[in-house]
Amino acid sequence: MTAAEIAVAVIAFVLAGISVFISARQFAEKGFLFNNAYIWASKEEREKLDKSPHYKQSAIVFALISAVFLVIGISILLQNYKIQLLEIPLILGALIYAFISSVRIERRTKR
C-alpha cells in the first residue's frame, strides 16, 4: 500500500468519525441543526419550527454518510475495491430517506 492510499484511508476514517460525532449530536438534539429547513428559514420561522424531526432526519443522514466514509476507508485499507459497491445503496438510501422524511415532515406541519 502506498503512502497516498494510507493518507486517503486515514482521511476517510477521520471523515467517518466526524460524521458519527455530528450524527450523535443531532440525535441528542444538541448543537447547530444541519438541515435545510432550518438553515433557510427566517428568524421568525426558526422560532416556530419544531426542530425534533429535523434533528432526527439530519442524524440519520449523517449516520449513513459516516457509513459511506467507513466503506471507502475499509476498501482502501483492504485494497478490495469491490467493497466500494456497498456505497451505492448507502448513498441511495440517504437520498431516498431525506426526500421521504422531508415530505412527511412537511405533511405533519401543514396539519
N, C-alpha and C. Protein backbone atom coordinates (compact mmCIF):
# COMPACT_ATOMS: atom_id res chain seq x y z
N MET A 1 0.86 -1.18 0.00
CA MET A 1 0.00 0.00 0.00
C MET A 1 0.90 1.24 0.00
N THR A 2 0.57 2.19 -0.86
CA THR A 2 1.38 3.40 -0.98
C THR A 2 1.00 4.41 0.11
N ALA A 3 1.84 5.40 0.25
CA ALA A 3 1.59 6.45 1.24
C ALA A 3 0.32 7.23 0.89
N ALA A 4 0.07 7.40 -0.39
CA ALA A 4 -1.14 8.13 -0.80
C ALA A 4 -2.40 7.35 -0.41
N GLU A 5 -2.36 6.04 -0.58
CA GLU A 5 -3.51 5.21 -0.20
C GLU A 5 -3.74 5.25 1.30
N ILE A 6 -2.66 5.22 2.06
CA ILE A 6 -2.78 5.30 3.51
C ILE A 6 -3.36 6.65 3.91
N ALA A 7 -2.90 7.72 3.27
CA ALA A 7 -3.41 9.05 3.58
C ALA A 7 -4.90 9.17 3.27
N VAL A 8 -5.31 8.63 2.13
CA VAL A 8 -6.73 8.69 1.75
C VAL A 8 -7.57 7.86 2.72
N ALA A 9 -7.06 6.69 3.12
CA ALA A 9 -7.78 5.86 4.08
C ALA A 9 -7.93 6.58 5.42
N VAL A 10 -6.87 7.21 5.87
CA VAL A 10 -6.93 7.97 7.14
C VAL A 10 -7.93 9.10 7.04
N ILE A 11 -7.90 9.81 5.93
CA ILE A 11 -8.86 10.91 5.73
C ILE A 11 -10.29 10.38 5.72
N ALA A 12 -10.52 9.24 5.06
CA ALA A 12 -11.86 8.65 5.03
C ALA A 12 -12.32 8.27 6.43
N PHE A 13 -11.43 7.67 7.23
CA PHE A 13 -11.79 7.29 8.60
C PHE A 13 -12.03 8.52 9.49
N VAL A 14 -11.25 9.57 9.28
CA VAL A 14 -11.45 10.81 10.04
C VAL A 14 -12.82 11.42 9.69
N LEU A 15 -13.13 11.45 8.40
CA LEU A 15 -14.44 11.98 7.98
C LEU A 15 -15.58 11.12 8.51
N ALA A 16 -15.38 9.80 8.58
CA ALA A 16 -16.39 8.92 9.16
C ALA A 16 -16.57 9.24 10.64
N GLY A 17 -15.47 9.47 11.34
CA GLY A 17 -15.55 9.82 12.76
C GLY A 17 -16.25 11.15 12.99
N ILE A 18 -15.94 12.13 12.17
CA ILE A 18 -16.60 13.44 12.28
C ILE A 18 -18.09 13.29 12.01
N SER A 19 -18.44 12.51 11.02
CA SER A 19 -19.86 12.29 10.69
C SER A 19 -20.59 11.58 11.82
N VAL A 20 -19.94 10.61 12.46
CA VAL A 20 -20.54 9.92 13.60
C VAL A 20 -20.75 10.90 14.75
N PHE A 21 -19.76 11.76 14.99
CA PHE A 21 -19.87 12.75 16.05
C PHE A 21 -21.04 13.69 15.79
N ILE A 22 -21.14 14.19 14.57
CA ILE A 22 -22.25 15.09 14.23
C ILE A 22 -23.58 14.35 14.34
N SER A 23 -23.62 13.11 13.89
CA SER A 23 -24.84 12.31 13.99
C SER A 23 -25.27 12.14 15.44
N ALA A 24 -24.33 11.83 16.31
CA ALA A 24 -24.65 11.66 17.73
C ALA A 24 -25.18 12.96 18.33
N ARG A 25 -24.57 14.07 17.97
CA ARG A 25 -25.03 15.38 18.47
C ARG A 25 -26.44 15.69 17.95
N GLN A 26 -26.72 15.33 16.71
CA GLN A 26 -28.04 15.57 16.14
C GLN A 26 -29.08 14.68 16.83
N PHE A 27 -28.73 13.41 17.10
CA PHE A 27 -29.66 12.53 17.82
C PHE A 27 -29.96 13.08 19.21
N ALA A 28 -28.96 13.70 19.84
CA ALA A 28 -29.14 14.29 21.17
C ALA A 28 -29.82 15.66 21.11
N GLU A 29 -30.08 16.13 19.89
CA GLU A 29 -30.68 17.45 19.65
C GLU A 29 -29.85 18.56 20.29
N LYS A 30 -28.55 18.45 20.13
CA LYS A 30 -27.61 19.45 20.64
C LYS A 30 -26.88 20.08 19.46
N GLY A 31 -26.48 21.32 19.64
CA GLY A 31 -25.67 22.00 18.64
C GLY A 31 -26.49 22.52 17.46
N PHE A 32 -25.75 22.94 16.44
CA PHE A 32 -26.37 23.52 15.26
C PHE A 32 -27.17 22.46 14.51
N LEU A 33 -28.33 22.85 14.03
CA LEU A 33 -29.19 21.94 13.26
C LEU A 33 -28.77 21.98 11.80
N PHE A 34 -28.18 20.90 11.31
CA PHE A 34 -27.73 20.80 9.93
C PHE A 34 -28.88 20.31 9.06
N ASN A 35 -29.83 21.19 8.79
CA ASN A 35 -30.99 20.83 7.99
C ASN A 35 -31.41 22.04 7.18
N ASN A 36 -31.70 21.82 5.90
CA ASN A 36 -32.08 22.93 5.02
C ASN A 36 -33.32 23.67 5.49
N ALA A 37 -34.27 22.94 6.05
CA ALA A 37 -35.49 23.60 6.53
C ALA A 37 -35.16 24.63 7.60
N TYR A 38 -34.16 24.35 8.41
CA TYR A 38 -33.76 25.29 9.46
C TYR A 38 -32.81 26.35 8.91
N ILE A 39 -31.87 25.94 8.10
CA ILE A 39 -30.86 26.88 7.59
C ILE A 39 -31.50 27.98 6.76
N TRP A 40 -32.47 27.64 5.91
CA TRP A 40 -33.07 28.62 5.01
C TRP A 40 -34.28 29.33 5.61
N ALA A 41 -34.67 28.97 6.81
CA ALA A 41 -35.83 29.62 7.44
C ALA A 41 -35.43 30.99 7.99
N SER A 42 -36.42 31.88 8.02
CA SER A 42 -36.18 33.19 8.60
C SER A 42 -36.12 33.06 10.13
N LYS A 43 -35.74 34.13 10.80
CA LYS A 43 -35.65 34.09 12.26
C LYS A 43 -36.99 33.74 12.90
N GLU A 44 -38.06 34.32 12.37
CA GLU A 44 -39.39 34.05 12.92
C GLU A 44 -39.80 32.60 12.70
N GLU A 45 -39.50 32.07 11.50
CA GLU A 45 -39.83 30.68 11.20
C GLU A 45 -39.01 29.72 12.05
N ARG A 46 -37.75 30.06 12.33
CA ARG A 46 -36.90 29.21 13.17
C ARG A 46 -37.45 29.10 14.59
N GLU A 47 -38.00 30.19 15.09
CA GLU A 47 -38.55 30.16 16.45
C GLU A 47 -39.79 29.29 16.54
N LYS A 48 -40.59 29.25 15.47
CA LYS A 48 -41.82 28.47 15.45
C LYS A 48 -41.59 27.01 15.08
N LEU A 49 -40.45 26.71 14.48
CA LEU A 49 -40.17 25.40 13.91
C LEU A 49 -40.01 24.33 14.99
N ASP A 50 -40.69 23.19 14.78
CA ASP A 50 -40.48 22.02 15.63
C ASP A 50 -39.21 21.35 15.14
N LYS A 51 -38.14 21.49 15.89
CA LYS A 51 -36.82 21.06 15.43
C LYS A 51 -36.59 19.56 15.58
N SER A 52 -37.35 18.90 16.41
CA SER A 52 -37.11 17.49 16.71
C SER A 52 -37.08 16.59 15.47
N PRO A 53 -38.08 16.64 14.58
CA PRO A 53 -38.00 15.76 13.41
C PRO A 53 -36.85 16.12 12.47
N HIS A 54 -36.48 17.38 12.44
CA HIS A 54 -35.36 17.81 11.58
C HIS A 54 -34.03 17.32 12.15
N TYR A 55 -33.89 17.36 13.49
CA TYR A 55 -32.69 16.80 14.12
C TYR A 55 -32.57 15.31 13.81
N LYS A 56 -33.69 14.59 13.92
CA LYS A 56 -33.68 13.14 13.66
C LYS A 56 -33.29 12.86 12.22
N GLN A 57 -33.87 13.61 11.29
CA GLN A 57 -33.56 13.43 9.88
C GLN A 57 -32.08 13.66 9.62
N SER A 58 -31.54 14.74 10.14
CA SER A 58 -30.12 15.05 9.94
C SER A 58 -29.23 14.00 10.58
N ALA A 59 -29.63 13.50 11.74
CA ALA A 59 -28.84 12.48 12.43
C ALA A 59 -28.75 11.20 11.60
N ILE A 60 -29.85 10.77 11.05
CA ILE A 60 -29.86 9.54 10.25
C ILE A 60 -29.05 9.73 8.97
N VAL A 61 -29.18 10.86 8.33
CA VAL A 61 -28.41 11.11 7.11
C VAL A 61 -26.92 11.15 7.41
N PHE A 62 -26.52 11.79 8.50
CA PHE A 62 -25.10 11.81 8.87
C PHE A 62 -24.59 10.42 9.24
N ALA A 63 -25.44 9.59 9.84
CA ALA A 63 -25.04 8.21 10.14
C ALA A 63 -24.79 7.44 8.85
N LEU A 64 -25.64 7.64 7.86
CA LEU A 64 -25.44 6.98 6.57
C LEU A 64 -24.19 7.50 5.87
N ILE A 65 -23.93 8.79 5.98
CA ILE A 65 -22.72 9.38 5.39
C ILE A 65 -21.48 8.79 6.06
N SER A 66 -21.54 8.62 7.37
CA SER A 66 -20.39 8.03 8.07
C SER A 66 -20.16 6.60 7.60
N ALA A 67 -21.23 5.87 7.33
CA ALA A 67 -21.09 4.50 6.81
C ALA A 67 -20.43 4.52 5.43
N VAL A 68 -20.76 5.50 4.61
CA VAL A 68 -20.13 5.61 3.28
C VAL A 68 -18.63 5.83 3.43
N PHE A 69 -18.22 6.75 4.31
CA PHE A 69 -16.79 7.01 4.50
C PHE A 69 -16.09 5.80 5.11
N LEU A 70 -16.79 5.08 5.96
CA LEU A 70 -16.21 3.86 6.54
C LEU A 70 -15.97 2.81 5.46
N VAL A 71 -16.91 2.64 4.56
CA VAL A 71 -16.76 1.69 3.45
C VAL A 71 -15.58 2.11 2.56
N ILE A 72 -15.46 3.39 2.29
CA ILE A 72 -14.34 3.87 1.48
C ILE A 72 -13.01 3.54 2.16
N GLY A 73 -12.92 3.85 3.45
CA GLY A 73 -11.69 3.57 4.19
C GLY A 73 -11.35 2.10 4.22
N ILE A 74 -12.35 1.26 4.47
CA ILE A 74 -12.12 -0.19 4.53
C ILE A 74 -11.70 -0.73 3.16
N SER A 75 -12.34 -0.26 2.10
CA SER A 75 -11.98 -0.76 0.77
C SER A 75 -10.57 -0.37 0.39
N ILE A 76 -10.13 0.80 0.81
CA ILE A 76 -8.75 1.21 0.51
C ILE A 76 -7.78 0.41 1.37
N LEU A 77 -8.13 0.24 2.65
CA LEU A 77 -7.26 -0.49 3.57
C LEU A 77 -7.07 -1.94 3.14
N LEU A 78 -8.16 -2.58 2.72
CA LEU A 78 -8.10 -3.97 2.30
C LEU A 78 -7.71 -4.13 0.83
N GLN A 79 -7.62 -3.02 0.13
CA GLN A 79 -7.33 -2.99 -1.30
C GLN A 79 -8.26 -3.90 -2.08
N ASN A 80 -9.52 -3.84 -1.70
CA ASN A 80 -10.58 -4.59 -2.38
C ASN A 80 -11.62 -3.56 -2.82
N TYR A 81 -11.52 -3.14 -4.05
CA TYR A 81 -12.37 -2.04 -4.50
C TYR A 81 -13.78 -2.48 -4.85
N LYS A 82 -14.05 -3.78 -4.81
CA LYS A 82 -15.43 -4.26 -4.99
C LYS A 82 -16.29 -3.89 -3.79
N ILE A 83 -15.64 -3.72 -2.65
CA ILE A 83 -16.37 -3.32 -1.44
C ILE A 83 -17.03 -1.95 -1.64
N GLN A 84 -16.43 -1.13 -2.49
CA GLN A 84 -16.99 0.20 -2.74
C GLN A 84 -18.38 0.15 -3.35
N LEU A 85 -18.77 -0.98 -3.89
CA LEU A 85 -20.14 -1.11 -4.42
C LEU A 85 -21.18 -0.98 -3.31
N LEU A 86 -20.76 -1.19 -2.07
CA LEU A 86 -21.67 -1.00 -0.93
C LEU A 86 -22.06 0.47 -0.74
N GLU A 87 -21.26 1.36 -1.31
CA GLU A 87 -21.57 2.79 -1.21
C GLU A 87 -22.87 3.13 -1.94
N ILE A 88 -23.14 2.45 -3.02
CA ILE A 88 -24.30 2.78 -3.85
C ILE A 88 -25.61 2.68 -3.06
N PRO A 89 -25.90 1.54 -2.39
CA PRO A 89 -27.15 1.51 -1.62
C PRO A 89 -27.15 2.46 -0.43
N LEU A 90 -25.97 2.71 0.15
CA LEU A 90 -25.92 3.65 1.28
C LEU A 90 -26.25 5.08 0.83
N ILE A 91 -25.67 5.49 -0.27
CA ILE A 91 -25.93 6.84 -0.79
C ILE A 91 -27.37 6.96 -1.26
N LEU A 92 -27.85 5.95 -1.99
CA LEU A 92 -29.25 5.97 -2.43
C LEU A 92 -30.19 5.96 -1.23
N GLY A 93 -29.86 5.19 -0.21
CA GLY A 93 -30.68 5.15 1.00
C GLY A 93 -30.74 6.51 1.68
N ALA A 94 -29.61 7.19 1.74
CA ALA A 94 -29.59 8.52 2.35
C ALA A 94 -30.44 9.51 1.55
N LEU A 95 -30.32 9.46 0.23
CA LEU A 95 -31.09 10.37 -0.62
C LEU A 95 -32.59 10.09 -0.54
N ILE A 96 -32.95 8.81 -0.62
CA ILE A 96 -34.37 8.45 -0.56
C ILE A 96 -34.94 8.77 0.82
N TYR A 97 -34.19 8.45 1.88
CA TYR A 97 -34.67 8.76 3.22
C TYR A 97 -34.87 10.26 3.40
N ALA A 98 -33.90 11.06 2.95
CA ALA A 98 -34.00 12.51 3.11
C ALA A 98 -35.23 13.04 2.38
N PHE A 99 -35.48 12.53 1.18
CA PHE A 99 -36.63 13.00 0.41
C PHE A 99 -37.95 12.60 1.08
N ILE A 100 -38.07 11.33 1.42
CA ILE A 100 -39.33 10.84 2.00
C ILE A 100 -39.58 11.48 3.36
N SER A 101 -38.55 11.59 4.18
CA SER A 101 -38.77 12.18 5.50
C SER A 101 -39.09 13.67 5.40
N SER A 102 -38.53 14.35 4.41
CA SER A 102 -38.88 15.77 4.21
C SER A 102 -40.35 15.93 3.85
N VAL A 103 -40.82 15.05 2.98
CA VAL A 103 -42.24 15.09 2.60
C VAL A 103 -43.12 14.82 3.82
N ARG A 104 -42.75 13.83 4.62
CA ARG A 104 -43.55 13.51 5.82
C ARG A 104 -43.54 14.64 6.83
N ILE A 105 -42.40 15.27 7.02
CA ILE A 105 -42.32 16.40 7.96
C ILE A 105 -43.19 17.55 7.47
N GLU A 106 -43.16 17.83 6.17
CA GLU A 106 -43.99 18.89 5.60
C GLU A 106 -45.48 18.60 5.79
N ARG A 107 -45.88 17.35 5.58
CA ARG A 107 -47.29 16.99 5.75
C ARG A 107 -47.74 17.18 7.19
N ARG A 108 -46.88 16.82 8.13
CA ARG A 108 -47.24 16.98 9.55
C ARG A 108 -47.36 18.45 9.95
N THR A 109 -46.49 19.28 9.41
CA THR A 109 -46.52 20.70 9.80
C THR A 109 -47.68 21.45 9.17
N LYS A 110 -48.22 20.94 8.05
CA LYS A 110 -49.33 21.63 7.39
C LYS A 110 -50.66 21.31 8.05
N ARG A 111 -50.70 20.30 8.90
CA ARG A 111 -51.95 19.93 9.56
C ARG A 111 -52.37 20.92 10.57
